[in-house]
């Protein structure tokens, strides 16, 4: 019995070598396997290229004028009061109350020790501190300080920034989130009516307020032009306190009062005279007008005139049934309505209580407009109330800003409706 022994070099091996190209191991792989090997090869070359770039030595930068460090002689002299004043100015620009900031100074014990300064800023949870932080760092850097360290803590929500300044001063600025601080982050516009009757001490008291207050000046009064000159000099926002026909009482400033049944030409003539008296006015609100603000035909003519003169309208709501602000919006005039009077003795509430009610309205609606009058008591009572609510996040802005924001949102909603 014989056996046909075949070694690996025999005829069987030769037959395996003579297989056609379609029978090779690569072609016998499925398509997914072949793509896997291609991607693996591509990843290998990509990783090799990245490793080559990472290990490549960068050329040494050439010395330029900007890269040279600033010598201590070129820096402004170190002034601690100047530093505190600059930081306080940034806080006031962002309407941040001063009691959020504390300052500490550690005097050097010997000649070799460095001067150590420290700021600690407490802010509430809802406060957006990014813009404030950016302005603070730009101010501090402009005084010659350089950032050397930044430390953050996740356990306690704090951020610490360390600055140094030749010849050996060190400044630590710490931001601490303090949830117990009450913060509303809402906007309120204040209008003071009836300017022009007098020119007394109340003017200077209103100018001392730390927030922008809009003055509503009545045209045609004995002190109108003097008040306008004071407002122009102090960059006070101004609107025309335009007389309108009331339900009862006498009619003031007959040449400047809008009456029921007036034609559009007559109203345009009145507004032209009023603008000549108050040329810096940006808008109009009604003085009296409890009858006219419910008469639709005359209101339509009035709003057409205001639209041609690019003036906004604030409804003083002397009549709870007023439709003036609705007619203004329908006629394309930017318009808002007043929420409450601050100094109405008939209501039985104090100015502080009225402002608290306005803050609640701002929490619901986002903004609120309040109106006071040109009285010394009103100016004196406003100062502490404004300071109280500023420390709790209320932003007091000119009324024109509230009108512009509302109108921009309204136009944006109209565009959305067009697209849908």
Protein backbone atom coordinates (compact mmCIF):
# COMPACT_ATOMS: atom_id res chain seq x y z
CA UNK A 1 0.00 0.00 0.00
CA UNK A 2 1.46 3.25 -1.04
CA UNK A 3 0.80 6.73 0.19
CA UNK A 4 1.01 9.88 -1.90
CA UNK A 5 2.94 12.03 0.49
CA UNK A 6 2.79 15.75 -0.26
CA UNK A 7 5.08 18.22 1.36
CA UNK A 8 4.55 21.93 1.46
CA UNK A 9 6.71 22.34 -1.56
CA UNK A 10 4.76 19.84 -3.61
CA UNK A 11 2.18 20.20 -6.34
CA UNK A 12 -0.57 21.30 -3.91
CA UNK A 13 1.48 24.31 -2.85
CA UNK A 14 2.13 25.20 -6.45
CA UNK A 15 -1.59 25.04 -7.18
CA UNK A 16 -2.28 27.47 -4.29
CA UNK A 17 0.28 29.87 -5.72
CA UNK A 18 -1.31 29.75 -9.15
CA UNK A 19 -4.74 30.96 -7.91
CA UNK A 20 -6.18 33.92 -9.89
CA UNK A 21 -6.19 37.44 -8.44
CA UNK A 22 -9.90 37.28 -7.61
CA UNK A 23 -9.19 34.45 -5.15
CA UNK A 24 -6.59 36.31 -2.99
CA UNK A 25 -7.19 36.92 0.71
CA UNK A 26 -7.74 40.71 0.21
CA UNK A 27 -10.44 40.17 -2.39
CA UNK A 28 -12.07 37.48 -0.28
CA UNK A 29 -12.59 40.03 2.55
CA UNK A 30 -16.04 41.66 2.73
CA UNK A 31 -16.34 45.33 1.69
CA UNK A 32 -16.75 46.50 5.31
CA UNK A 33 -13.48 44.81 6.31
CA UNK A 34 -11.57 46.40 3.44
CA UNK A 35 -12.87 49.87 4.37
CA UNK A 36 -11.88 49.23 7.99
CA UNK A 37 -8.29 48.57 7.01
CA UNK A 38 -8.22 51.68 4.78
CA UNK A 39 -9.46 53.88 7.62
CA UNK A 40 -6.97 52.29 10.02
CA UNK A 41 -4.13 53.07 7.63
CA UNK A 42 -5.35 56.67 7.16
CA UNK A 43 -5.57 57.17 10.94
CA UNK A 44 -2.02 55.86 11.35
CA UNK A 45 -0.60 58.38 8.84
CA UNK A 46 -2.68 61.20 10.34
CA UNK A 47 -1.42 60.45 13.87
CA UNK A 48 2.15 60.31 12.60
CA UNK A 49 1.77 63.72 10.94
CA UNK A 50 0.32 65.29 14.10
CA UNK A 51 3.11 63.83 16.24
CA UNK A 52 5.66 65.27 13.83
CA UNK A 53 4.10 68.74 14.12
CA UNK A 54 3.99 68.55 17.91
CA UNK A 55 7.63 67.58 18.22
CA UNK A 56 8.80 70.23 15.78
CA UNK A 57 10.72 72.99 17.52
CA UNK A 58 9.34 76.50 17.02
CA UNK A 59 11.78 79.22 16.07
CA UNK A 60 12.64 81.68 18.77
CA UNK A 61 10.59 84.89 18.46
CA UNK A 62 12.50 87.93 17.45
CA UNK A 63 12.54 90.79 19.88
CA UNK A 64 10.18 93.59 18.96
CA UNK A 65 9.23 96.83 20.62
CA UNK A 66 5.84 95.43 21.68
CA UNK A 67 7.40 92.34 23.28
CA UNK A 68 9.77 94.28 25.47
CA UNK A 69 8.49 94.66 29.04
CA UNK A 70 7.41 98.08 30.15
CA UNK A 71 9.96 99.62 32.44
CA UNK A 72 8.80 101.00 35.78
CA UNK A 73 9.78 104.49 34.69
CA UNK A 74 7.15 104.49 31.92
CA UNK A 75 4.30 103.46 34.24
CA UNK A 76 2.10 106.09 35.84
CA UNK A 77 2.84 106.59 39.53
CA UNK A 78 1.04 104.24 41.90
CA UNK A 79 -1.90 106.02 43.54
CA UNK A 80 -4.13 104.02 45.85
CA UNK A 81 -6.88 106.71 45.93
CA UNK A 82 -6.74 106.87 42.14
CA UNK A 83 -7.13 103.09 41.91
CA UNK A 84 -10.12 103.10 44.26
CA UNK A 85 -11.69 106.01 42.37
CA UNK A 86 -11.29 104.25 39.02
CA UNK A 87 -12.85 101.02 40.31
CA UNK A 88 -15.74 102.95 41.88
CA UNK A 89 -16.35 104.76 38.58
CA UNK A 90 -16.71 101.42 36.77
CA UNK A 91 -19.18 100.21 39.42
CA UNK A 92 -21.26 103.37 39.07
CA UNK A 93 -21.29 103.00 35.28
CA UNK A 94 -22.85 99.54 35.75
CA UNK A 95 -25.21 100.85 38.46
CA UNK A 96 -23.60 98.59 41.05
CA UNK A 97 -24.06 99.82 44.63
CA UNK A 98 -20.93 100.76 46.56
CA UNK A 99 -21.71 98.44 49.47
CA UNK A 100 -20.93 95.41 47.28
CA UNK A 101 -17.24 96.38 47.26
CA UNK A 102 -14.82 96.29 50.17
CA UNK A 103 -11.19 97.43 50.08
CA UNK A 104 -8.29 96.23 52.21
CA UNK A 105 -4.73 97.47 52.41
CA UNK A 106 -1.89 95.71 54.18
CA UNK A 107 1.02 98.04 54.86
CA UNK A 108 4.53 96.58 54.42
CA UNK A 109 6.14 95.71 57.74
CA UNK A 110 9.66 96.38 56.48
CA UNK A 111 11.35 97.99 53.51
CA UNK A 112 11.72 94.67 51.73
CA UNK A 113 8.05 93.70 51.91
CA UNK A 114 5.69 94.46 49.04
CA UNK A 115 2.55 96.58 49.23
CA UNK A 116 -0.54 94.34 49.33
CA UNK A 117 -3.98 95.59 48.25
CA UNK A 118 -7.26 93.72 48.01
CA UNK A 119 -10.76 94.21 46.60
CA UNK A 120 -13.68 91.96 47.47
CA UNK A 121 -16.84 92.24 45.35
CA UNK A 122 -20.04 90.48 46.45
CA UNK A 123 -22.64 89.93 43.75
CA UNK A 124 -26.06 88.19 43.76
CA UNK A 125 -26.87 84.98 41.98
CA UNK A 126 -28.80 86.50 39.07
CA UNK A 127 -26.31 89.29 38.42
CA UNK A 128 -24.58 89.10 35.02
CA UNK A 129 -21.02 90.04 35.95
CA UNK A 130 -19.24 89.43 32.63
CA UNK A 131 -19.42 93.01 31.31
CA UNK A 132 -18.54 94.42 34.72
CA UNK A 133 -15.55 92.09 35.09
CA UNK A 134 -14.28 92.97 31.63
CA UNK A 135 -14.44 96.72 32.31
CA UNK A 136 -12.79 96.30 35.71
CA UNK A 137 -9.85 94.37 34.27
CA UNK A 138 -9.37 96.87 31.45
CA UNK A 139 -9.35 99.71 33.98
CA UNK A 140 -6.88 97.97 36.28
CA UNK A 141 -4.61 96.99 33.38
CA UNK A 142 -4.66 100.58 32.13
CA UNK A 143 -3.17 101.66 35.46
CA UNK A 144 -0.13 99.42 34.95
CA UNK A 145 -1.22 96.22 36.70
CA UNK A 146 -0.52 92.80 35.16
CA UNK A 147 -2.43 89.54 35.80
CA UNK A 148 -0.23 86.76 37.19
CA UNK A 149 -2.68 84.23 38.64
CA UNK A 150 -6.33 83.19 38.45
CA UNK A 151 -7.90 80.87 41.02
CA UNK A 152 -11.44 79.53 41.06
CA UNK A 153 -13.30 77.44 43.63
CA UNK A 154 -16.18 75.13 42.74
CA UNK A 155 -17.01 74.36 46.38
CA UNK A 156 -17.44 78.02 47.21
CA UNK A 157 -18.45 80.15 44.18
CA UNK A 158 -15.47 82.50 44.20
CA UNK A 159 -12.98 83.75 41.63
CA UNK A 160 -9.68 85.34 42.62
CA UNK A 161 -7.46 87.36 40.29
CA UNK A 162 -3.96 88.40 41.31
CA UNK A 163 -2.25 91.45 39.78
CA UNK A 164 1.28 92.75 40.26
CA UNK A 165 2.82 96.10 39.48
CA UNK A 166 6.42 97.25 39.66
CA UNK A 167 8.24 98.00 41.88
CA UNK A 168 6.60 95.38 44.13
CA UNK A 169 2.88 96.01 44.62
CA UNK A 170 0.36 93.16 44.69
CA UNK A 171 -3.38 93.43 44.14
CA UNK A 172 -5.91 90.67 44.81
CA UNK A 173 -9.40 91.02 43.34
CA UNK A 174 -11.94 88.49 44.60
CA UNK A 175 -15.45 87.98 43.20
CA UNK A 176 -17.82 86.22 45.60
CA UNK A 177 -21.32 85.09 44.67
CA UNK A 178 -23.64 85.97 47.53
CA UNK A 179 -27.13 84.46 47.15
CA UNK A 180 -28.65 86.48 50.00
CA UNK A 181 -28.45 89.77 48.07
CA UNK A 182 -31.89 90.65 46.67
CA UNK A 183 -31.65 91.30 42.95
CA UNK A 184 -34.48 92.14 40.53
CA UNK A 185 -32.64 93.08 37.31
CA UNK A 186 -35.53 95.15 35.98
CA UNK A 187 -35.87 98.61 34.41
CA UNK A 188 -37.92 101.59 35.62
CA UNK A 189 -38.29 104.96 33.91
CA UNK A 190 -39.05 108.07 35.98
CA UNK A 191 -40.83 111.11 34.50
CA UNK A 192 -41.11 114.37 36.41
CA UNK A 193 -44.05 116.48 35.16
CA UNK A 194 -44.97 120.17 35.31
CA UNK A 195 -41.57 121.78 34.73
CA UNK A 196 -41.86 125.42 33.73
CA UNK A 197 -44.08 126.89 36.44
CA UNK A 198 -41.14 127.77 38.69
CA UNK A 199 -37.39 127.68 38.85
CA UNK A 200 -36.56 126.88 42.46
CA UNK A 201 -34.50 124.55 44.58
CA UNK A 202 -36.28 121.48 43.26
CA UNK A 203 -34.36 121.73 39.98
CA UNK A 204 -31.00 121.33 41.69
CA UNK A 205 -32.33 118.47 43.82
CA UNK A 206 -33.52 116.57 40.75
CA UNK A 207 -30.14 117.13 39.10
CA UNK A 208 -28.42 115.56 42.13
CA UNK A 209 -30.22 112.24 41.66
CA UNK A 210 -27.71 109.51 40.66
CA UNK A 211 -29.94 108.12 37.89
CA UNK A 212 -31.33 109.62 34.66
CA UNK A 213 -34.77 111.21 35.17
CA UNK A 214 -36.85 112.45 32.24
CA UNK A 215 -38.19 116.00 32.55
CA UNK A 216 -41.62 116.77 31.06
CA UNK A 217 -41.66 120.53 30.36
CA UNK A 218 -44.86 122.45 29.64
CA UNK A 219 -44.49 124.89 26.72
CA UNK A 220 -45.55 128.51 27.03
CA UNK A 221 -44.86 129.00 30.75
CA UNK A 222 -42.77 131.85 32.25
CA UNK A 223 -39.79 129.60 33.13
CA UNK A 224 -40.01 127.12 30.26
CA UNK A 225 -37.00 128.40 28.32
CA UNK A 226 -34.82 128.68 31.44
CA UNK A 227 -35.60 125.10 32.44
CA UNK A 228 -34.85 123.94 28.90
CA UNK A 229 -31.45 125.67 29.04
CA UNK A 230 -30.63 123.96 32.36
CA UNK A 231 -31.69 120.58 31.00
CA UNK A 232 -29.61 121.06 27.85
CA UNK A 233 -26.54 122.02 29.89
CA UNK A 234 -26.83 118.97 32.16
CA UNK A 235 -27.78 116.49 29.36
CA UNK A 236 -31.16 115.73 30.91
CA UNK A 237 -33.62 113.73 28.73
CA UNK A 238 -36.65 115.94 27.97
CA UNK A 239 -40.16 115.44 26.60
CA UNK A 240 -42.99 117.92 25.94
CA UNK A 241 -45.71 117.93 28.59
CA UNK A 242 -48.42 118.84 26.06
CA UNK A 243 -51.66 120.31 27.50
CA UNK A 244 -54.84 118.53 26.39
CA UNK A 245 -58.53 119.11 27.08
CA UNK A 246 -59.65 117.78 30.51
CA UNK A 247 -63.05 116.61 31.70
CA UNK A 248 -63.22 119.39 34.28
CA UNK A 249 -61.26 122.46 35.27
CA UNK A 250 -59.79 125.38 33.44
CA UNK A 251 -57.80 125.13 30.26
CA UNK A 252 -54.18 126.23 30.68
CA UNK A 253 -51.98 127.68 27.95
CA UNK A 254 -54.76 128.16 25.43
CA UNK A 255 -52.29 128.57 22.58
CA UNK A 256 -50.68 125.20 23.34
CA UNK A 257 -53.68 123.04 24.32
CA UNK A 258 -55.01 120.33 22.00
CA UNK A 259 -58.84 120.41 22.02
CA UNK A 260 -61.43 117.92 20.83
CA UNK A 261 -62.45 118.40 17.19
CA UNK A 262 -59.24 120.17 16.13
CA UNK A 263 -58.06 119.54 12.61
CA UNK A 264 -54.72 117.96 11.82
CA UNK A 265 -53.44 121.32 10.60
CA UNK A 266 -54.33 123.01 13.89
CA UNK A 267 -52.64 120.28 15.91
CA UNK A 268 -49.54 120.53 13.73
CA UNK A 269 -49.41 124.28 14.38
CA UNK A 270 -49.63 123.74 18.16
CA UNK A 271 -46.90 121.12 18.10
CA UNK A 272 -44.66 123.37 15.99
CA UNK A 273 -44.95 126.15 18.60
CA UNK A 274 -44.35 123.66 21.40
CA UNK A 275 -41.19 122.35 19.74
CA UNK A 276 -39.95 125.89 19.34
CA UNK A 277 -40.31 126.31 23.10
CA UNK A 278 -38.76 122.88 23.91
CA UNK A 279 -36.46 122.11 20.97
CA UNK A 280 -34.56 119.28 22.71
CA UNK A 281 -37.69 117.18 23.31
CA UNK A 282 -37.64 113.56 22.14
CA UNK A 283 -41.25 112.71 22.89
CA UNK A 284 -44.60 113.87 24.27
CA UNK A 285 -46.82 113.02 27.22
CA UNK A 286 -50.20 114.52 28.04
CA UNK A 287 -50.76 117.28 30.60
CA UNK A 288 -54.36 116.73 31.82
CA UNK A 289 -56.27 115.45 28.77
CA UNK A 290 -58.73 113.21 30.59
CA UNK A 291 -61.36 114.05 27.96
CA UNK A 292 -59.19 114.12 24.84
CA UNK A 293 -57.48 110.77 25.56
CA UNK A 294 -60.84 109.02 25.12
CA UNK A 295 -61.76 110.73 21.81
CA UNK A 296 -60.56 108.55 18.96
CA UNK A 297 -60.86 110.92 15.93
CA UNK A 298 -58.79 113.70 17.50
CA UNK A 299 -56.25 111.20 18.82
CA UNK A 300 -55.72 109.78 15.33
CA UNK A 301 -54.95 113.27 14.00
CA UNK A 302 -52.60 113.97 16.91
CA UNK A 303 -50.67 110.71 16.42
CA UNK A 304 -50.24 111.37 12.71
CA UNK A 305 -48.60 114.68 13.57
CA UNK A 306 -46.34 113.03 16.17
CA UNK A 307 -45.33 110.35 13.66
CA UNK A 308 -44.30 112.96 11.08
CA UNK A 309 -42.20 114.72 13.73
CA UNK A 310 -40.54 111.45 14.89
CA UNK A 311 -41.71 111.82 18.51
CA UNK A 312 -42.75 109.01 20.84
CA UNK A 313 -45.79 109.23 23.13
CA UNK A 314 -46.23 108.36 26.83
CA UNK A 315 -49.81 108.08 28.04
CA UNK A 316 -50.01 109.66 31.50
CA UNK A 317 -53.28 107.76 32.12
CA UNK A 318 -55.11 110.75 33.61
CA UNK A 319 -58.23 108.81 32.67
CA UNK A 320 -58.31 105.04 33.36
CA UNK A 321 -60.36 104.64 30.16
CA UNK A 322 -57.67 106.27 28.04
CA UNK A 323 -57.06 104.80 24.60
CA UNK A 324 -54.28 107.21 23.63
CA UNK A 325 -51.39 104.73 23.78
CA UNK A 326 -53.36 102.15 21.76
CA UNK A 327 -54.18 104.70 19.06
CA UNK A 328 -50.51 105.76 19.00
CA UNK A 329 -49.35 102.19 18.38
CA UNK A 330 -51.95 101.67 15.66
CA UNK A 331 -50.74 104.84 13.94
CA UNK A 332 -47.09 103.75 14.06
CA UNK A 333 -46.01 105.99 16.96
CA UNK A 334 -43.78 104.33 19.60
CA UNK A 335 -45.82 104.49 22.78
CA UNK A 336 -46.00 103.25 26.37
CA UNK A 337 -48.32 103.99 29.28
CA UNK A 338 -47.59 105.12 32.81
CA UNK A 339 -48.03 102.66 35.69
CA UNK A 340 -48.52 104.93 38.73
CA UNK A 341 -48.04 108.43 40.15
CA UNK A 342 -45.42 108.62 42.88
CA UNK A 343 -46.70 111.70 44.70
CA UNK A 344 -50.47 111.53 44.50
CA UNK A 345 -51.73 112.62 47.95
CA UNK A 346 -55.24 111.23 47.27
CA UNK A 347 -53.97 107.64 47.13
CA UNK A 348 -52.93 107.58 50.79
CA UNK A 349 -49.66 105.77 49.99
CA UNK A 350 -46.14 107.09 50.39
CA UNK A 351 -43.63 107.50 47.59
CA UNK A 352 -41.71 104.45 48.86
CA UNK A 353 -44.85 102.31 48.73
CA UNK A 354 -45.62 103.51 45.21
CA UNK A 355 -42.10 102.64 44.06
CA UNK A 356 -42.37 99.19 45.64
CA UNK A 357 -45.57 98.63 43.65
CA UNK A 358 -43.74 99.74 40.49
CA UNK A 359 -40.98 97.21 41.21
CA UNK A 360 -43.58 94.42 41.43
CA UNK A 361 -45.00 95.58 38.11
CA UNK A 362 -41.49 95.51 36.60
CA UNK A 363 -41.02 91.97 37.91
CA UNK A 364 -44.17 90.94 36.04
CA UNK A 365 -43.75 92.96 32.85
CA UNK A 366 -40.00 93.63 32.75
CA UNK A 367 -40.37 97.44 32.82
CA UNK A 368 -42.48 100.14 34.46
CA UNK A 369 -42.92 103.91 34.10
CA UNK A 370 -43.67 106.12 37.10
CA UNK A 371 -44.49 109.84 37.17
CA UNK A 372 -43.77 112.49 39.80
CA UNK A 373 -44.09 116.26 39.84
CA UNK A 374 -41.77 119.22 40.11
CA UNK A 375 -41.90 119.49 43.90
CA UNK A 376 -39.09 119.78 46.43
CA UNK A 377 -40.64 117.07 48.64
CA UNK A 378 -40.73 114.67 45.71
CA UNK A 379 -37.05 115.25 44.89
CA UNK A 380 -35.98 114.78 48.52
CA UNK A 381 -38.05 111.61 48.94
CA UNK A 382 -36.79 110.08 45.67
CA UNK A 383 -33.10 110.03 46.62
CA UNK A 384 -33.22 107.36 49.39
CA UNK A 385 -35.82 105.28 47.55
CA UNK A 386 -33.65 105.17 44.42
CA UNK A 387 -30.59 104.22 46.47
CA UNK A 388 -32.56 101.40 48.14
CA UNK A 389 -33.78 99.84 44.90
CA UNK A 390 -30.52 100.31 43.02
CA UNK A 391 -28.86 98.12 45.63
CA UNK A 392 -31.42 95.42 44.78
CA UNK A 393 -30.90 95.37 41.04
CA UNK A 394 -33.39 97.91 39.68
CA UNK A 395 -32.00 99.87 36.73
CA UNK A 396 -33.36 103.40 36.37
CA UNK A 397 -33.14 104.39 32.72
CA UNK A 398 -34.46 107.22 30.52
CA UNK A 399 -37.97 106.65 29.23
CA UNK A 400 -36.72 106.83 25.64
CA UNK A 401 -34.74 103.59 26.24
CA UNK A 402 -37.86 101.75 27.39
CA UNK A 403 -39.80 102.98 24.36
CA UNK A 404 -37.01 101.96 21.97
CA UNK A 405 -36.69 98.49 23.50
CA UNK A 406 -40.43 97.89 23.30
CA UNK A 407 -40.62 99.09 19.72
CA UNK A 408 -37.69 96.94 18.60
CA UNK A 409 -39.27 93.86 20.19
CA UNK A 410 -42.59 94.66 18.52
CA UNK A 411 -41.00 95.00 15.07
CA UNK A 412 -39.11 91.75 15.64
CA UNK A 413 -42.38 89.94 16.48
CA UNK A 414 -43.98 91.39 13.35
CA UNK A 415 -41.14 90.02 11.22
CA UNK A 416 -41.59 86.59 12.79
CA UNK A 417 -45.29 86.66 11.92
CA UNK A 418 -44.44 87.54 8.33
CA UNK A 419 -42.08 84.57 8.03
CA UNK A 420 -44.60 82.18 9.55
